[in-house]
PDB file of N, CA and C in Angstrom:
ATOM      1  N   MET A   1       0.804  -1.135   0.014  1.00  0.00           N
ATOM      2  CA  MET A   1       0.029  -0.017  -0.006  1.00  0.00           C
ATOM      3  C   MET A   1       0.855   1.259  -0.048  1.00  0.00           C
ATOM      4  N   ARG A   2       1.896   1.286   0.811  1.00  0.00           N
ATOM      5  CA  ARG A   2       2.788   2.377   0.888  1.00  0.00           C
ATOM      6  C   ARG A   2       3.491   2.698  -0.399  1.00  0.00           C
ATOM      7  N   LEU A   3       3.928   1.479  -1.043  1.00  0.00           N
ATOM      8  CA  LEU A   3       4.649   1.590  -2.272  1.00  0.00           C
ATOM      9  C   LEU A   3       3.734   2.160  -3.356  1.00  0.00           C
ATOM     10  N   GLU A   4       2.464   1.812  -3.389  1.00  0.00           N
ATOM     11  CA  GLU A   4       1.493   2.357  -4.377  1.00  0.00           C
ATOM     12  C   GLU A   4       1.379   3.847  -4.114  1.00  0.00           C
ATOM     13  N   LEU A   5       1.223   4.279  -2.928  1.00  0.00           N
ATOM     14  CA  LEU A   5       1.047   5.753  -2.630  1.00  0.00           C
ATOM     15  C   LEU A   5       2.338   6.476  -2.975  1.00  0.00           C
ATOM     16  N   SER A   6       3.505   5.889  -2.740  1.00  0.00           N
ATOM     17  CA  SER A   6       4.784   6.512  -3.038  1.00  0.00           C
ATOM     18  C   SER A   6       4.889   6.667  -4.499  1.00  0.00           C
ATOM     19  N   LEU A   7       4.491   5.670  -5.291  1.00  0.00           N
ATOM     20  CA  LEU A   7       4.612   5.724  -6.726  1.00  0.00           C
ATOM     21  C   LEU A   7       3.616   6.751  -7.309  1.00  0.00           C
ATOM     22  N   ALA A   8       2.422   6.743  -6.764  1.00  0.00           N
ATOM     23  CA  ALA A   8       1.433   7.719  -7.169  1.00  0.00           C
ATOM     24  C   ALA A   8       1.871   9.110  -6.920  1.00  0.00           C
ATOM     25  N   GLY A   9       2.468   9.325  -5.723  1.00  0.00           N
ATOM     26  CA  GLY A   9       2.866  10.679  -5.375  1.00  0.00           C
ATOM     27  C   GLY A   9       4.069  11.091  -6.255  1.00  0.00           C
ATOM     28  N   SER A  10       4.953  10.181  -6.532  1.00  0.00           N
ATOM     29  CA  SER A  10       6.146  10.484  -7.402  1.00  0.00           C
ATOM     30  C   SER A  10       5.686  10.865  -8.790  1.00  0.00           C
ATOM     31  N   THR A  11       4.719  10.058  -9.258  1.00  0.00           N
ATOM     32  CA  THR A  11       4.175  10.335 -10.633  1.00  0.00           C
ATOM     33  C   THR A  11       3.526  11.691 -10.729  1.00  0.00           C
ATOM     34  N   LEU A  12       2.778  12.036  -9.664  1.00  0.00           N
ATOM     35  CA  LEU A  12       2.086  13.347  -9.635  1.00  0.00           C
ATOM     36  C   LEU A  12       3.121  14.488  -9.613  1.00  0.00           C
ATOM     37  N   LEU A  13       4.152  14.344  -8.757  1.00  0.00           N
ATOM     38  CA  LEU A  13       5.209  15.378  -8.713  1.00  0.00           C
ATOM     39  C   LEU A  13       5.906  15.466 -10.054  1.00  0.00           C
ATOM     40  N   LEU A  14       6.257  14.415 -10.639  1.00  0.00           N
ATOM     41  CA  LEU A  14       6.942  14.507 -12.027  1.00  0.00           C
ATOM     42  C   LEU A  14       6.003  15.146 -13.023  1.00  0.00           C
ATOM     43  N   GLY A  15       4.794  14.904 -12.951  1.00  0.00           N
ATOM     44  CA  GLY A  15       3.866  15.547 -13.918  1.00  0.00           C
ATOM     45  C   GLY A  15       3.757  16.977 -13.700  1.00  0.00           C
ATOM     46  N   LEU A  16       4.024  17.546 -12.523  1.00  0.00           N
ATOM     47  CA  LEU A  16       3.929  18.923 -12.270  1.00  0.00           C
ATOM     48  C   LEU A  16       5.201  19.682 -12.630  1.00  0.00           C
ATOM     49  N   MET A  17       6.308  19.029 -12.778  1.00  0.00           N
ATOM     50  CA  MET A  17       7.565  19.637 -13.067  1.00  0.00           C
ATOM     51  C   MET A  17       7.582  20.080 -14.511  1.00  0.00           C
ATOM     52  N   PRO A  18       8.143  21.285 -14.792  1.00  0.00           N
ATOM     53  CA  PRO A  18       8.305  21.738 -16.140  1.00  0.00           C
ATOM     54  C   PRO A  18       9.361  20.809 -16.908  1.00  0.00           C
ATOM     55  N   LEU A  19       9.016  20.488 -18.113  1.00  0.00           N
ATOM     56  CA  LEU A  19       9.928  19.752 -18.920  1.00  0.00           C
ATOM     57  C   LEU A  19      10.845  20.670 -19.673  1.00  0.00           C
ATOM     58  N   PRO A  20      12.037  20.264 -20.038  1.00  0.00           N
ATOM     59  CA  PRO A  20      12.966  21.070 -20.718  1.00  0.00           C
ATOM     60  C   PRO A  20      12.400  21.454 -22.138  1.00  0.00           C
ATOM     61  N   ALA A  21      12.600  22.662 -22.592  1.00  0.00           N
ATOM     62  CA  ALA A  21      12.052  23.037 -23.901  1.00  0.00           C
ATOM     63  C   ALA A  21      12.824  22.283 -24.973  1.00  0.00           C
ATOM     64  N   GLN A  22      12.105  21.780 -25.929  1.00  0.00           N
ATOM     65  CA  GLN A  22      12.660  21.121 -27.042  1.00  0.00           C
ATOM     66  C   GLN A  22      12.737  22.100 -28.175  1.00  0.00           C
ATOM     67  N   ALA A  23      13.856  22.030 -29.001  1.00  0.00           N
ATOM     68  CA  ALA A  23      13.954  22.984 -30.116  1.00  0.00           C
ATOM     69  C   ALA A  23      13.085  22.357 -31.199  1.00  0.00           C
ATOM     70  N   SER A  24      12.374  23.225 -31.846  1.00  0.00           N
ATOM     71  CA  SER A  24      11.488  22.818 -32.838  1.00  0.00           C
ATOM     72  C   SER A  24      12.325  22.583 -34.179  1.00  0.00           C
ATOM     73  N   SER A  25      11.783  21.835 -35.095  1.00  0.00           N
ATOM     74  CA  SER A  25      12.527  21.604 -36.357  1.00  0.00           C
ATOM     75  C   SER A  25      12.753  22.994 -37.078  1.00  0.00           C
ATOM     76  N   CYS A  26      11.751  23.833 -36.935  1.00  0.00           N
ATOM     77  CA  CYS A  26      11.940  25.228 -37.572  1.00  0.00           C
ATOM     78  C   CYS A  26      13.017  25.973 -36.935  1.00  0.00           C
ATOM     79  N   ALA A  27      13.149  25.897 -35.578  1.00  0.00           N
ATOM     80  CA  ALA A  27      14.254  26.622 -34.870  1.00  0.00           C
ATOM     81  C   ALA A  27      15.605  26.035 -35.324  1.00  0.00           C
ATOM     82  N   GLU A  28      15.649  24.734 -35.538  1.00  0.00           N
ATOM     83  CA  GLU A  28      16.898  24.131 -36.019  1.00  0.00           C
ATOM     84  C   GLU A  28      17.222  24.614 -37.436  1.00  0.00           C
ATOM     85  N   GLN A  29      16.203  24.708 -38.300  1.00  0.00           N
ATOM     86  CA  GLN A  29      16.445  25.235 -39.598  1.00  0.00           C
ATOM     87  C   GLN A  29      16.955  26.703 -39.549  1.00  0.00           C
ATOM     88  N   ILE A  30      16.354  27.445 -38.665  1.00  0.00           N
ATOM     89  CA  ILE A  30      16.729  28.903 -38.596  1.00  0.00           C
ATOM     90  C   ILE A  30      18.232  28.989 -38.186  1.00  0.00           C
ATOM     91  N   GLY A  31      18.652  28.171 -37.216  1.00  0.00           N
ATOM     92  CA  GLY A  31      20.039  28.098 -36.807  1.00  0.00           C
ATOM     93  C   GLY A  31      20.973  27.687 -37.959  1.00  0.00           C
ATOM     94  N   THR A  32      20.534  26.753 -38.683  1.00  0.00           N
ATOM     95  CA  THR A  32      21.430  26.266 -39.861  1.00  0.00           C
ATOM     96  C   THR A  32      21.561  27.383 -40.872  1.00  0.00           C
ATOM     97  N   ILE A  33      20.466  28.053 -41.286  1.00  0.00           N
ATOM     98  CA  ILE A  33      20.485  29.097 -42.248  1.00  0.00           C
ATOM     99  C   ILE A  33      21.240  30.308 -41.702  1.00  0.00           C
ATOM    100  N   GLU A  34      21.119  30.601 -40.415  1.00  0.00           N
ATOM    101  CA  GLU A  34      21.896  31.742 -39.828  1.00  0.00           C
ATOM    102  C   GLU A  34      23.371  31.419 -39.995  1.00  0.00           C
ATOM    103  N   ARG A  35      23.799  30.193 -39.761  1.00  0.00           N
ATOM    104  CA  ARG A  35      25.204  29.862 -39.881  1.00  0.00           C
ATOM    105  C   ARG A  35      25.584  30.036 -41.339  1.00  0.00           C
ATOM    106  N   ARG A  36      24.756  29.565 -42.330  1.00  0.00           N
ATOM    107  CA  ARG A  36      25.110  29.729 -43.719  1.00  0.00           C
ATOM    108  C   ARG A  36      25.286  31.201 -44.116  1.00  0.00           C
ATOM    109  N   LEU A  37      24.446  32.020 -43.495  1.00  0.00           N
ATOM    110  CA  LEU A  37      24.426  33.457 -43.823  1.00  0.00           C
ATOM    111  C   LEU A  37      25.636  34.174 -43.218  1.00  0.00           C
ATOM    112  N   ASP A  38      26.215  33.525 -42.258  1.00  0.00           N
ATOM    113  CA  ASP A  38      27.522  34.084 -41.602  1.00  0.00           C
ATOM    114  C   ASP A  38      28.726  33.357 -42.121  1.00  0.00           C
ATOM    115  N   SER A  39      28.599  32.556 -43.165  1.00  0.00           N
ATOM    116  CA  SER A  39      29.744  31.852 -43.747  1.00  0.00           C
ATOM    117  C   SER A  39      30.576  32.702 -44.620  1.00  0.00           C
ATOM    118  N   ALA A  40      31.692  32.237 -44.952  1.00  0.00           N
ATOM    119  CA  ALA A  40      32.619  32.944 -45.826  1.00  0.00           C
ATOM    120  C   ALA A  40      31.962  33.087 -47.225  1.00  0.00           C
ATOM    121  N   GLY A  41      31.204  32.112 -47.664  1.00  0.00           N
ATOM    122  CA  GLY A  41      30.513  32.176 -48.941  1.00  0.00           C
ATOM    123  C   GLY A  41      29.520  33.372 -48.982  1.00  0.00           C
ATOM    124  N   ALA A  42      28.715  33.472 -47.941  1.00  0.00           N
ATOM    125  CA  ALA A  42      27.745  34.602 -47.882  1.00  0.00           C
ATOM    126  C   ALA A  42      28.421  35.906 -47.821  1.00  0.00           C
ATOM    127  N   VAL A  43      29.486  36.003 -47.104  1.00  0.00           N
ATOM    128  CA  VAL A  43      30.262  37.278 -46.998  1.00  0.00           C
ATOM    129  C   VAL A  43      30.848  37.572 -48.373  1.00  0.00           C
ATOM    130  N   HIS A  44      31.294  36.584 -49.114  1.00  0.00           N
ATOM    131  CA  HIS A  44      31.825  36.784 -50.475  1.00  0.00           C
ATOM    132  C   HIS A  44      30.739  37.307 -51.383  1.00  0.00           C
ATOM    133  N   VAL A  45      29.493  36.910 -51.201  1.00  0.00           N
ATOM    134  CA  VAL A  45      28.429  37.408 -52.012  1.00  0.00           C
ATOM    135  C   VAL A  45      27.875  38.736 -51.590  1.00  0.00           C
ATOM    136  N   ALA A  46      27.629  38.898 -50.256  1.00  0.00           N
ATOM    137  CA  ALA A  46      26.973  40.072 -49.764  1.00  0.00           C
ATOM    138  C   ALA A  46      27.836  41.089 -48.956  1.00  0.00           C
ATOM    139  N   GLY A  47      29.080  40.725 -48.679  1.00  0.00           N
ATOM    140  CA  GLY A  47      29.890  41.517 -47.816  1.00  0.00           C
ATOM    141  C   GLY A  47      29.611  41.243 -46.417  1.00  0.00           C
ATOM    142  N   LEU A  48      30.462  41.624 -45.487  1.00  0.00           N
ATOM    143  CA  LEU A  48      30.253  41.456 -44.043  1.00  0.00           C
ATOM    144  C   LEU A  48      29.289  42.556 -43.543  1.00  0.00           C
ATOM    145  N   GLN A  49      28.167  42.075 -43.033  1.00  0.00           N
ATOM    146  CA  GLN A  49      27.103  42.955 -42.508  1.00  0.00           C
ATOM    147  C   GLN A  49      27.363  43.303 -41.080  1.00  0.00           C
ATOM    148  N   ASP A  50      26.934  44.455 -40.672  1.00  0.00           N
ATOM    149  CA  ASP A  50      27.094  44.863 -39.278  1.00  0.00           C
ATOM    150  C   ASP A  50      26.485  43.869 -38.314  1.00  0.00           C
ATOM    151  N   GLY A  51      27.137  43.560 -37.297  1.00  0.00           N
ATOM    152  CA  GLY A  51      26.654  42.606 -36.270  1.00  0.00           C
ATOM    153  C   GLY A  51      26.840  41.152 -36.609  1.00  0.00           C
ATOM    154  N   HIS A  52      27.444  40.855 -37.727  1.00  0.00           N
ATOM    155  CA  HIS A  52      27.721  39.483 -38.052  1.00  0.00           C
ATOM    156  C   HIS A  52      29.197  39.157 -38.172  1.00  0.00           C
ATOM    157  N   THR A  53      29.592  38.018 -37.840  1.00  0.00           N
ATOM    158  CA  THR A  53      30.976  37.530 -37.970  1.00  0.00           C
ATOM    159  C   THR A  53      30.990  36.342 -38.875  1.00  0.00           C
ATOM    160  N   ILE A  54      32.134  36.051 -39.396  1.00  0.00           N
ATOM    161  CA  ILE A  54      32.256  34.903 -40.303  1.00  0.00           C
ATOM    162  C   ILE A  54      32.355  33.696 -39.381  1.00  0.00           C
ATOM    163  N   ARG A  55      31.502  32.709 -39.635  1.00  0.00           N
ATOM    164  CA  ARG A  55      31.530  31.465 -38.922  1.00  0.00           C
ATOM    165  C   ARG A  55      31.689  30.323 -39.900  1.00  0.00           C
ATOM    166  N   SER A  56      32.311  29.263 -39.431  1.00  0.00           N
ATOM    167  CA  SER A  56      32.522  28.060 -40.284  1.00  0.00           C
ATOM    168  C   SER A  56      31.247  27.223 -40.010  1.00  0.00           C
ATOM    169  N   SER A  57      30.635  26.762 -41.143  1.00  0.00           N
ATOM    170  CA  SER A  57      29.435  25.987 -41.006  1.00  0.00           C
ATOM    171  C   SER A  57      29.658  24.570 -40.451  1.00  0.00           C
ATOM    172  N   HIS A  58      30.909  24.102 -40.645  1.00  0.00           N
ATOM    173  CA  HIS A  58      31.235  22.731 -40.253  1.00  0.00           C
ATOM    174  C   HIS A  58      30.231  21.698 -40.756  1.00  0.00           C
ATOM    175  N   SER A  59      29.714  21.981 -41.897  1.00  0.00           N
ATOM    176  CA  SER A  59      28.628  21.126 -42.519  1.00  0.00           C
ATOM    177  C   SER A  59      29.260  20.227 -43.607  1.00  0.00           C
ATOM    178  N   PRO A  60      28.956  18.966 -43.573  1.00  0.00           N
ATOM    179  CA  PRO A  60      29.486  18.153 -44.663  1.00  0.00           C
ATOM    180  C   PRO A  60      28.873  18.441 -45.957  1.00  0.00           C
ATOM    181  N   LYS A  61      27.758  19.236 -45.964  1.00  0.00           N
ATOM    182  CA  LYS A  61      27.026  19.566 -47.199  1.00  0.00           C
ATOM    183  C   LYS A  61      27.488  20.923 -47.714  1.00  0.00           C
ATOM    184  N   ALA A  62      28.290  21.633 -46.944  1.00  0.00           N
ATOM    185  CA  ALA A  62      28.761  22.996 -47.411  1.00  0.00           C
ATOM    186  C   ALA A  62      29.554  22.867 -48.651  1.00  0.00           C
ATOM    187  N   LEU A  63      29.333  23.820 -49.604  1.00  0.00           N
ATOM    188  CA  LEU A  63      30.100  23.854 -50.776  1.00  0.00           C
ATOM    189  C   LEU A  63      31.436  24.429 -50.583  1.00  0.00           C
ATOM    190  N   ALA A  64      32.509  23.870 -51.080  1.00  0.00           N
ATOM    191  CA  ALA A  64      33.884  24.369 -50.951  1.00  0.00           C
ATOM    192  C   ALA A  64      34.154  25.526 -51.842  1.00  0.00           C
ATOM    193  N   ALA A  65      33.394  25.631 -52.944  1.00  0.00           N
ATOM    194  CA  ALA A  65      33.488  26.731 -53.902  1.00  0.00           C
ATOM    195  C   ALA A  65      32.152  26.951 -54.538  1.00  0.00           C
ATOM    196  N   ALA A  66      32.027  28.053 -55.236  1.00  0.00           N
ATOM    197  CA  ALA A  66      30.793  28.341 -55.970  1.00  0.00           C
ATOM    198  C   ALA A  66      30.587  27.284 -57.051  1.00  0.00           C
ATOM    199  N   PRO A  67      29.292  26.940 -57.353  1.00  0.00           N
ATOM    200  CA  PRO A  67      29.102  25.999 -58.389  1.00  0.00           C
ATOM    201  C   PRO A  67      29.669  26.501 -59.740  1.00  0.00           C
ATOM    202  N   PRO A  68      30.213  25.598 -60.596  1.00  0.00           N
ATOM    203  CA  PRO A  68      30.823  26.061 -61.852  1.00  0.00           C
ATOM    204  C   PRO A  68      29.860  26.634 -62.855  1.00  0.00           C
ATOM    205  N   SER A  69      28.578  26.236 -62.801  1.00  0.00           N
ATOM    206  CA  SER A  69      27.629  26.756 -63.807  1.00  0.00           C
ATOM    207  C   SER A  69      26.558  27.559 -63.000  1.00  0.00           C
ATOM    208  N   ALA A  70      25.837  28.428 -63.692  1.00  0.00           N
ATOM    209  CA  ALA A  70      24.834  29.124 -63.118  1.00  0.00           C
ATOM    210  C   ALA A  70      23.559  28.303 -62.880  1.00  0.00           C
ATOM    211  N   PRO A  71      22.785  28.535 -61.887  1.00  0.00           N
ATOM    212  CA  PRO A  71      21.547  27.736 -61.730  1.00  0.00           C
ATOM    213  C   PRO A  71      20.608  27.963 -62.915  1.00  0.00           C
ATOM    214  N   SER A  72      19.728  27.010 -63.184  1.00  0.00           N
ATOM    215  CA  SER A  72      18.761  27.202 -64.285  1.00  0.00           C
ATOM    216  C   SER A  72      17.772  28.252 -63.925  1.00  0.00           C
ATOM    217  N   ASP A  73      17.517  28.533 -62.699  1.00  0.00           N
ATOM    218  CA  ASP A  73      16.594  29.530 -62.260  1.00  0.00           C
ATOM    219  C   ASP A  73      17.373  30.749 -61.746  1.00  0.00           C
ATOM    220  N   ALA A  74      17.235  31.864 -62.502  1.00  0.00           N
ATOM    221  CA  ALA A  74      18.000  33.049 -62.163  1.00  0.00           C
ATOM    222  C   ALA A  74      17.773  33.593 -60.719  1.00  0.00           C
ATOM    223  N   ALA A  75      16.557  33.217 -60.235  1.00  0.00           N
ATOM    224  CA  ALA A  75      16.167  33.723 -58.963  1.00  0.00           C
ATOM    225  C   ALA A  75      17.020  32.972 -57.858  1.00  0.00           C
ATOM    226  N   MET A  76      17.663  31.883 -58.221  1.00  0.00           N
ATOM    227  CA  MET A  76      18.437  31.076 -57.284  1.00  0.00           C
ATOM    228  C   MET A  76      19.876  31.592 -57.175  1.00  0.00           C
ATOM    229  N   ILE A  77      20.252  32.580 -57.923  1.00  0.00           N
ATOM    230  CA  ILE A  77      21.606  33.089 -57.878  1.00  0.00           C
ATOM    231  C   ILE A  77      21.783  33.945 -56.660  1.00  0.00           C
ATOM    232  N   PRO A  78      22.642  33.590 -55.750  1.00  0.00           N
ATOM    233  CA  PRO A  78      22.776  34.405 -54.507  1.00  0.00           C
ATOM    234  C   PRO A  78      23.352  35.770 -54.849  1.00  0.00           C
ATOM    235  N   THR A  79      22.623  36.783 -54.368  1.00  0.00           N
ATOM    236  CA  THR A  79      23.004  38.197 -54.475  1.00  0.00           C
ATOM    237  C   THR A  79      23.045  38.819 -53.123  1.00  0.00           C
ATOM    238  N   SER A  80      23.542  40.071 -52.966  1.00  0.00           N
ATOM    239  CA  SER A  80      23.592  40.715 -51.756  1.00  0.00           C
ATOM    240  C   SER A  80      22.128  41.009 -51.304  1.00  0.00           C
ATOM    241  N   ALA A  81      21.261  41.456 -52.266  1.00  0.00           N
ATOM    242  CA  ALA A  81      19.884  41.714 -51.970  1.00  0.00           C
ATOM    243  C   ALA A  81      19.140  40.422 -51.448  1.00  0.00           C
ATOM    244  N   HIS A  82      19.433  39.290 -52.179  1.00  0.00           N
ATOM    245  CA  HIS A  82      18.784  38.003 -51.733  1.00  0.00           C
ATOM    246  C   HIS A  82      19.229  37.619 -50.281  1.00  0.00           C
ATOM    247  N   VAL A  83      20.482  37.829 -50.018  1.00  0.00           N
ATOM    248  CA  VAL A  83      21.007  37.533 -48.621  1.00  0.00           C
ATOM    249  C   VAL A  83      20.311  38.411 -47.599  1.00  0.00           C
ATOM    250  N   ALA A  84      20.173  39.706 -47.938  1.00  0.00           N
ATOM    251  CA  ALA A  84      19.509  40.692 -46.988  1.00  0.00           C
ATOM    252  C   ALA A  84      17.981  40.256 -46.857  1.00  0.00           C
ATOM    253  N   ASP A  85      17.330  39.871 -47.932  1.00  0.00           N
ATOM    254  CA  ASP A  85      15.970  39.420 -47.848  1.00  0.00           C
ATOM    255  C   ASP A  85      15.853  38.158 -46.984  1.00  0.00           C
ATOM    256  N   ALA A  86      16.779  37.226 -47.085  1.00  0.00           N
ATOM    257  CA  ALA A  86      16.733  36.030 -46.391  1.00  0.00           C
ATOM    258  C   ALA A  86      16.891  36.300 -44.910  1.00  0.00           C
ATOM    259  N   ARG A  87      17.759  37.248 -44.518  1.00  0.00           N
ATOM    260  CA  ARG A  87      17.952  37.638 -43.158  1.00  0.00           C
ATOM    261  C   ARG A  87      16.647  38.128 -42.549  1.00  0.00           C
ATOM    262  N   ARG A  88      15.929  38.966 -43.333  1.00  0.00           N
ATOM    263  CA  ARG A  88      14.628  39.498 -42.873  1.00  0.00           C
ATOM    264  C   ARG A  88      13.613  38.352 -42.701  1.00  0.00           C
ATOM    265  N   LEU A  89      13.650  37.422 -43.654  1.00  0.00           N
ATOM    266  CA  LEU A  89      12.758  36.218 -43.557  1.00  0.00           C
ATOM    267  C   LEU A  89      13.070  35.383 -42.380  1.00  0.00           C
ATOM    268  N   LEU A  90      14.378  35.271 -41.960  1.00  0.00           N
ATOM    269  CA  LEU A  90      14.720  34.547 -40.820  1.00  0.00           C
ATOM    270  C   LEU A  90      14.205  35.120 -39.540  1.00  0.00           C
ATOM    271  N   ASP A  91      14.257  36.484 -39.509  1.00  0.00           N
ATOM    272  CA  ASP A  91      13.665  37.230 -38.325  1.00  0.00           C
ATOM    273  C   ASP A  91      12.153  36.878 -38.204  1.00  0.00           C
ATOM    274  N   ARG A  92      11.490  36.927 -39.377  1.00  0.00           N
ATOM    275  CA  ARG A  92      10.063  36.603 -39.398  1.00  0.00           C
ATOM    276  C   ARG A  92       9.748  35.209 -38.957  1.00  0.00           C
ATOM    277  N   ALA A  93      10.644  34.259 -39.487  1.00  0.00           N
ATOM    278  CA  ALA A  93      10.407  32.820 -39.149  1.00  0.00           C
ATOM    279  C   ALA A  93      10.620  32.608 -37.646  1.00  0.00           C
ATOM    280  N   ALA A  94      11.616  33.271 -37.037  1.00  0.00           N
ATOM    281  CA  ALA A  94      11.804  33.151 -35.622  1.00  0.00           C
ATOM    282  C   ALA A  94      10.633  33.664 -34.831  1.00  0.00           C
ATOM    283  N   GLU A  95       9.980  34.763 -35.259  1.00  0.00           N
ATOM    284  CA  GLU A  95       8.817  35.261 -34.619  1.00  0.00           C
ATOM    285  C   GLU A  95       7.655  34.275 -34.723  1.00  0.00           C
ATOM    286  N   GLU A  96       7.521  33.710 -35.888  1.00  0.00           N
ATOM    287  CA  GLU A  96       6.489  32.722 -36.113  1.00  0.00           C
ATOM    288  C   GLU A  96       6.657  31.435 -35.256  1.00  0.00           C
ATOM    289  N   ASP A  97       7.937  31.063 -35.136  1.00  0.00           N
ATOM    290  CA  ASP A  97       8.260  29.890 -34.289  1.00  0.00           C
ATOM    291  C   ASP A  97       8.020  30.183 -32.847  1.00  0.00           C
ATOM    292  N   ARG A  98       8.381  31.333 -32.413  1.00  0.00           N
ATOM    293  CA  ARG A  98       8.088  31.689 -30.954  1.00  0.00           C
ATOM    294  C   ARG A  98       6.577  31.764 -30.653  1.00  0.00           C
ATOM    295  N   ALA A  99       5.762  32.168 -31.716  1.00  0.00           N
ATOM    296  CA  ALA A  99       4.354  32.225 -31.530  1.00  0.00           C
ATOM    297  C   ALA A  99       3.718  30.868 -31.630  1.00  0.00           C
ATOM    298  N   GLY A 100       4.455  29.875 -32.058  1.00  0.00           N
ATOM    299  CA  GLY A 100       3.963  28.507 -32.181  1.00  0.00           C
ATOM    300  C   GLY A 100       3.274  28.234 -33.533  1.00  0.00           C
ATOM    301  N   HIS A 101       3.560  29.092 -34.558  1.00  0.00           N
ATOM    302  CA  HIS A 101       3.014  28.926 -35.833  1.00  0.00           C
ATOM    303  C   HIS A 101       3.984  28.154 -36.688  1.00  0.00           C
ATOM    304  N   GLN A 102       4.047  26.802 -36.436  1.00  0.00           N
ATOM    305  CA  GLN A 102       5.047  25.934 -37.084  1.00  0.00           C
ATOM    306  C   GLN A 102       4.926  25.926 -38.556  1.00  0.00           C
ATOM    307  N   ARG A 103       3.725  25.823 -39.113  1.00  0.00           N
ATOM    308  CA  ARG A 103       3.501  25.695 -40.621  1.00  0.00           C
ATOM    309  C   ARG A 103       3.966  26.989 -41.279  1.00  0.00           C
ATOM    310  N   ALA A 104       3.640  28.164 -40.702  1.00  0.00           N
ATOM    311  CA  ALA A 104       4.010  29.482 -41.228  1.00  0.00           C
ATOM    312  C   ALA A 104       5.506  29.588 -41.164  1.00  0.00           C
ATOM    313  N   CYS A 105       6.111  29.142 -40.070  1.00  0.00           N
ATOM    314  CA  CYS A 105       7.598  29.231 -39.933  1.00  0.00           C
ATOM    315  C   CYS A 105       8.284  28.391 -41.054  1.00  0.00           C
ATOM    316  N   GLU A 106       7.726  27.213 -41.254  1.00  0.00           N
ATOM    317  CA  GLU A 106       8.353  26.324 -42.267  1.00  0.00           C
ATOM    318  C   GLU A 106       8.216  26.867 -43.661  1.00  0.00           C
ATOM    319  N   GLU A 107       7.080  27.587 -43.950  1.00  0.00           N
ATOM    320  CA  GLU A 107       6.902  28.196 -45.260  1.00  0.00           C
ATOM    321  C   GLU A 107       7.822  29.422 -45.438  1.00  0.00           C
ATOM    322  N   THR A 108       7.981  30.179 -44.347  1.00  0.00           N
ATOM    323  CA  THR A 108       8.925  31.292 -44.453  1.00  0.00           C
ATOM    324  C   THR A 108      10.340  30.805 -44.650  1.00  0.00           C
ATOM    325  N   MET A 109      10.695  29.701 -43.970  1.00  0.00           N
ATOM    326  CA  MET A 109      12.087  29.164 -44.130  1.00  0.00           C
ATOM    327  C   MET A 109      12.293  28.653 -45.510  1.00  0.00           C
ATOM    328  N   THR A 110      11.276  28.067 -46.126  1.00  0.00           N
ATOM    329  CA  THR A 110      11.367  27.594 -47.554  1.00  0.00           C
ATOM    330  C   THR A 110      11.712  28.819 -48.441  1.00  0.00           C
ATOM    331  N   ARG A 111      10.982  29.925 -48.240  1.00  0.00           N
ATOM    332  CA  ARG A 111      11.277  31.132 -48.984  1.00  0.00           C
ATOM    333  C   ARG A 111      12.700  31.637 -48.747  1.00  0.00           C
ATOM    334  N   ALA A 112      13.146  31.618 -47.510  1.00  0.00           N
ATOM    335  CA  ALA A 112      14.512  32.084 -47.182  1.00  0.00           C
ATOM    336  C   ALA A 112      15.554  31.260 -47.804  1.00  0.00           C
ATOM    337  N   LYS A 113      15.362  29.953 -47.849  1.00  0.00           N
ATOM    338  CA  LYS A 113      16.355  29.026 -48.452  1.00  0.00           C
ATOM    339  C   LYS A 113      16.381  29.301 -49.946  1.00  0.00           C
ATOM    340  N   SER A 114      15.258  29.561 -50.562  1.00  0.00           N
ATOM    341  CA  SER A 114      15.232  29.781 -52.025  1.00  0.00           C
ATOM    342  C   SER A 114      15.960  31.165 -52.334  1.00  0.00           C
ATOM    343  N   MET A 115      15.912  32.075 -51.421  1.00  0.00           N
ATOM    344  CA  MET A 115      16.502  33.394 -51.637  1.00  0.00           C
ATOM    345  C   MET A 115      18.029  33.312 -51.682  1.00  0.00           C
ATOM    346  N   ILE A 116      18.607  32.476 -50.831  1.00  0.00           N
ATOM    347  CA  ILE A 116      20.018  32.446 -50.821  1.00  0.00           C
ATOM    348  C   ILE A 116      20.634  31.506 -51.794  1.00  0.00           C
ATOM    349  N   GLY A 117      19.856  30.554 -52.318  1.00  0.00           N
ATOM    350  CA  GLY A 117      20.403  29.727 -53.407  1.00  0.00           C
ATOM    351  C   GLY A 117      21.615  28.900 -52.890  1.00  0.00           C
ATOM    352  N   ALA A 118      22.475  28.668 -53.820  1.00  0.00           N
ATOM    353  CA  ALA A 118      23.733  27.889 -53.498  1.00  0.00           C
ATOM    354  C   ALA A 118      24.841  28.831 -53.167  1.00  0.00           C
ATOM    355  N   LEU A 119      25.121  29.076 -51.961  1.00  0.00           N
ATOM    356  CA  LEU A 119      26.190  29.981 -51.602  1.00  0.00           C
ATOM    357  C   LEU A 119      27.510  29.196 -51.752  1.00  0.00           C
ATOM    358  N   PRO A 120      28.573  29.967 -52.188  1.00  0.00           N
ATOM    359  CA  PRO A 120      29.945  29.274 -52.320  1.00  0.00           C
ATOM    360  C   PRO A 120      30.432  28.928 -50.966  1.00  0.00           C
TER     361      PRO A 120
END
């Protein structure tokens, strides 16, 4: 009987304790794209922006150099304006993520990714 009460009490207390916050998949995407926008390739395209430092992405998918041919879609060519637009979209996606609007955040991230294209 005591064991049952002890287990029930422990279960109740564990249920009342706050759980650690889990990073959403959108938050992880935002972090990844932020690192890409602070990479040497982004700085090569857009220049070093105020408040940003060059970071190594340490990603096995990172390009070592710019692709040898232009993308078939001209909108996918990374430009300084596209990088600036992507930064604004990241800010918006972060707000949507904080508000719990997962679907909107993911859609905004898709637009941000298409804006930066294939950075060198």
